[in-house]
Amino acid sequence: MSILKLENGQTLDNLSDIQSELGSLNIQIEHKNLGKSLHLSDLLAQDILSQLDKQQILLSYQTEFELLKQQAGYFCYDLLALHPGSPNLYTLTAAYSRYHTHQDAEALYILAGEAIFGIVRPEGNRVQLLVQAHDYIHVPGRVEHWFAPTASLHIKALRYFTSADGWIPQYTGTKLQDSLRNER
């Protein structure tokens, strides 16, 4: 389940309270247990996945993707799989753990592990949203945020795209607040 940490240090773990707090940004957050097979759970528990494993995971979520495609206009999706030994872990973490925006929405369904979104609200306040397994998040385009795995460095997530280049980060220069970012 998601946890939202407000700038004043207060935390919210009730989904409707979190949705209300993020409503001004049109951020969608839902908790969906899609009830996949035990075999898929075994795959998601592995650090290293073969290409065949990744394809199997993607295929098992094809029906859900088709529904989201109709609802939100996504045209493709992929699997983000990070663990401490990932060859691109630090490159991806460095790229997305700075405040940025995107032309398109950033949408993820967390399959395993957890990550943090740092979000700037319209009035300038900054909040931190922890997303965990079975959380779906849709951050609209042009919402200033950062994204990083938690200290465990484990996350597997489906990423949904509405265009081929809409996820390219446009850095804003906003400085991170270490007190919010490093507590998890």
Protein backbone atom coordinates (compact mmCIF):
# COMPACT_ATOMS: atom_id res chain seq x y z
CA MET A 1 0.00 0.00 0.00
CA SER A 2 1.09 3.54 -0.72
CA ILE A 3 2.31 5.90 1.96
CA LEU A 4 2.40 9.67 1.45
CA LYS A 5 4.75 11.80 3.52
CA LEU A 6 3.77 15.46 3.65
CA GLU A 7 6.23 18.32 3.91
CA ASN A 8 5.39 18.77 7.61
CA GLY A 9 6.39 15.14 8.34
CA GLN A 10 2.85 13.78 8.66
CA THR A 11 2.27 10.46 6.89
CA LEU A 12 -0.91 9.19 5.29
CA ASP A 13 -1.51 5.52 4.57
CA ASN A 14 -5.23 5.63 3.76
CA LEU A 15 -5.61 5.46 -0.02
CA SER A 16 -8.55 7.87 -0.18
CA ASP A 17 -6.62 10.43 1.93
CA ILE A 18 -3.62 10.07 -0.40
CA GLN A 19 -5.83 10.46 -3.47
CA SER A 20 -7.35 13.60 -1.95
CA GLU A 21 -3.93 15.11 -1.18
CA LEU A 22 -2.70 14.47 -4.73
CA GLY A 23 -5.97 15.38 -6.44
CA SER A 24 -4.91 18.92 -7.34
CA LEU A 25 -2.24 17.37 -9.59
CA ASN A 26 -4.58 14.79 -11.15
CA ILE A 27 -2.24 12.04 -9.99
CA GLN A 28 -4.03 8.71 -9.98
CA ILE A 29 -3.02 6.16 -7.37
CA GLU A 30 -4.77 2.83 -6.97
CA HIS A 31 -4.04 -0.44 -5.23
CA LYS A 32 -4.90 -3.36 -7.53
CA ASN A 33 -4.13 -6.96 -6.74
CA LEU A 34 -4.45 -8.58 -10.14
CA GLY A 35 -4.19 -12.09 -8.65
CA LYS A 36 -1.56 -13.64 -10.89
CA SER A 37 -0.38 -17.24 -10.62
CA LEU A 38 2.06 -18.66 -8.12
CA HIS A 39 4.57 -19.21 -10.96
CA LEU A 40 4.52 -15.49 -11.70
CA SER A 41 5.16 -14.78 -8.01
CA ASP A 42 8.23 -17.01 -8.22
CA LEU A 43 9.49 -15.07 -11.26
CA LEU A 44 8.91 -11.72 -9.56
CA ALA A 45 10.90 -12.87 -6.53
CA GLN A 46 14.01 -13.48 -8.66
CA ASP A 47 16.65 -10.77 -8.97
CA ILE A 48 17.81 -11.74 -12.44
CA LEU A 49 15.29 -12.44 -15.19
CA SER A 50 16.04 -13.94 -18.57
CA GLN A 51 14.50 -12.42 -21.69
CA LEU A 52 12.06 -15.34 -21.71
CA ASP A 53 11.10 -14.62 -18.08
CA LYS A 54 10.50 -10.96 -18.92
CA GLN A 55 8.37 -11.87 -21.93
CA GLN A 56 6.34 -14.29 -19.80
CA ILE A 57 5.66 -11.55 -17.23
CA LEU A 58 4.67 -9.06 -19.94
CA LEU A 59 2.38 -11.58 -21.64
CA SER A 60 0.66 -12.42 -18.37
CA TYR A 61 -0.39 -8.74 -18.05
CA GLN A 62 -1.50 -8.36 -21.70
CA THR A 63 -5.24 -8.33 -20.83
CA GLU A 64 -4.78 -5.61 -18.22
CA PHE A 65 -2.68 -3.61 -20.67
CA GLU A 66 -5.40 -3.79 -23.32
CA LEU A 67 -7.90 -2.34 -20.82
CA LEU A 68 -5.51 0.47 -19.85
CA LYS A 69 -4.77 1.09 -23.51
CA GLN A 70 -8.45 1.81 -24.12
CA GLN A 71 -8.90 3.86 -20.93
CA ALA A 72 -5.73 5.96 -20.96
CA GLY A 73 -4.43 5.82 -24.52
CA TYR A 74 -1.24 3.86 -23.85
CA PHE A 75 0.34 2.37 -26.94
CA CYS A 76 2.97 0.09 -25.40
CA TYR A 77 4.42 -1.11 -22.12
CA ASP A 78 7.62 -2.66 -20.85
CA LEU A 79 9.12 -4.16 -17.73
CA LEU A 80 11.43 -2.21 -15.45
CA ALA A 81 13.43 -4.72 -13.40
CA LEU A 82 16.08 -3.32 -11.06
CA HIS A 83 18.10 -4.98 -8.31
CA PRO A 84 21.46 -4.17 -6.69
CA GLY A 85 23.38 -5.97 -9.46
CA SER A 86 21.54 -4.37 -12.40
CA PRO A 87 24.06 -3.03 -14.93
CA ASN A 88 21.99 0.12 -15.55
CA LEU A 89 20.83 0.71 -11.97
CA TYR A 90 22.95 3.76 -11.21
CA THR A 91 22.45 5.33 -14.65
CA LEU A 92 18.66 5.07 -14.33
CA THR A 93 18.68 6.17 -10.70
CA ALA A 94 20.82 9.21 -11.53
CA ALA A 95 18.60 10.14 -14.47
CA TYR A 96 15.28 9.97 -12.63
CA SER A 97 16.19 10.91 -9.06
CA ARG A 98 16.44 14.60 -9.98
CA TYR A 99 13.38 16.80 -10.25
CA HIS A 100 12.04 16.71 -13.78
CA THR A 101 8.89 16.71 -15.86
CA HIS A 102 7.86 14.70 -18.90
CA GLN A 103 5.82 15.62 -21.93
CA ASP A 104 3.67 12.52 -21.38
CA ALA A 105 2.30 10.88 -18.27
CA GLU A 106 4.51 8.59 -16.22
CA ALA A 107 2.46 5.51 -15.41
CA LEU A 108 3.62 2.41 -13.58
CA TYR A 109 2.14 -0.70 -12.03
CA ILE A 110 4.45 -1.99 -9.30
CA LEU A 111 4.77 -5.77 -9.49
CA ALA A 112 7.36 -6.25 -6.74
CA GLY A 113 9.59 -4.10 -4.56
CA GLU A 114 9.05 -0.43 -3.94
CA ALA A 115 9.99 3.04 -5.10
CA ILE A 116 9.55 6.65 -4.10
CA PHE A 117 8.13 9.56 -6.05
CA GLY A 118 9.04 13.04 -4.84
CA ILE A 119 6.34 15.42 -6.07
CA VAL A 120 6.07 19.21 -6.15
CA ARG A 121 2.50 20.39 -5.56
CA PRO A 122 1.10 23.54 -7.24
CA GLU A 123 1.71 25.71 -4.15
CA GLY A 124 5.35 24.56 -4.07
CA ASN A 125 5.08 22.10 -1.19
CA ARG A 126 6.93 18.85 -1.73
CA VAL A 127 5.63 15.44 -0.79
CA GLN A 128 7.05 11.96 -1.01
CA LEU A 129 4.97 8.98 -2.15
CA LEU A 130 6.10 5.43 -1.44
CA VAL A 131 4.62 2.96 -3.93
CA GLN A 132 4.75 -0.78 -3.34
CA ALA A 133 3.64 -4.02 -4.95
CA HIS A 134 0.18 -3.79 -6.53
CA ASP A 135 0.18 0.02 -6.64
CA TYR A 136 -0.70 1.69 -9.93
CA ILE A 137 0.35 5.32 -10.32
CA HIS A 138 -0.32 7.73 -13.18
CA VAL A 139 1.55 11.05 -12.94
CA PRO A 140 0.28 13.43 -15.65
CA GLY A 141 2.71 15.07 -18.02
CA ARG A 142 4.38 18.27 -16.83
CA VAL A 143 4.02 17.40 -13.12
CA GLU A 144 7.36 18.09 -11.45
CA HIS A 145 8.68 15.00 -9.69
CA TRP A 146 11.57 12.61 -9.14
CA PHE A 147 11.55 8.81 -8.95
CA ALA A 148 13.94 6.32 -7.34
CA PRO A 149 13.93 2.82 -5.92
CA THR A 150 14.08 2.68 -2.13
CA ALA A 151 17.27 1.68 -0.32
CA SER A 152 16.58 -2.00 -1.06
CA LEU A 153 17.19 -1.19 -4.76
CA HIS A 154 14.59 -3.78 -5.75
CA ILE A 155 11.71 -2.97 -8.05
CA LYS A 156 9.84 -4.64 -10.86
CA ALA A 157 7.22 -2.51 -12.55
CA LEU A 158 5.24 -2.30 -15.74
CA ARG A 159 5.80 1.08 -17.42
CA TYR A 160 3.09 2.39 -19.73
CA PHE A 161 3.81 4.76 -22.62
CA THR A 162 1.57 7.05 -24.68
CA SER A 163 4.33 7.97 -27.16
CA ALA A 164 7.82 6.84 -28.06
CA ASP A 165 9.67 9.80 -26.56
CA GLY A 166 7.26 11.22 -23.97
CA TRP A 167 9.23 9.93 -20.97
CA ILE A 168 12.39 11.87 -21.74
CA PRO A 169 13.08 13.86 -18.55
CA GLN A 170 13.20 17.64 -18.73
CA TYR A 171 15.13 18.66 -15.64
CA THR A 172 13.78 21.59 -13.65
CA GLY A 173 16.76 22.40 -11.44
CA THR A 174 14.70 22.14 -8.24
CA LYS A 175 16.98 20.93 -5.45
CA LEU A 176 16.15 17.76 -3.53
CA GLN A 177 15.30 18.04 0.12
CA ASP A 178 17.42 15.37 1.76
CA SER A 179 15.15 15.11 4.79
CA LEU A 180 12.33 13.84 2.58
CA ARG A 181 14.37 11.71 0.20
CA ASN A 182 16.63 9.68 2.47
CA GLU A 183 14.35 8.50 5.24
CA ARG A 184 13.16 5.26 3.63
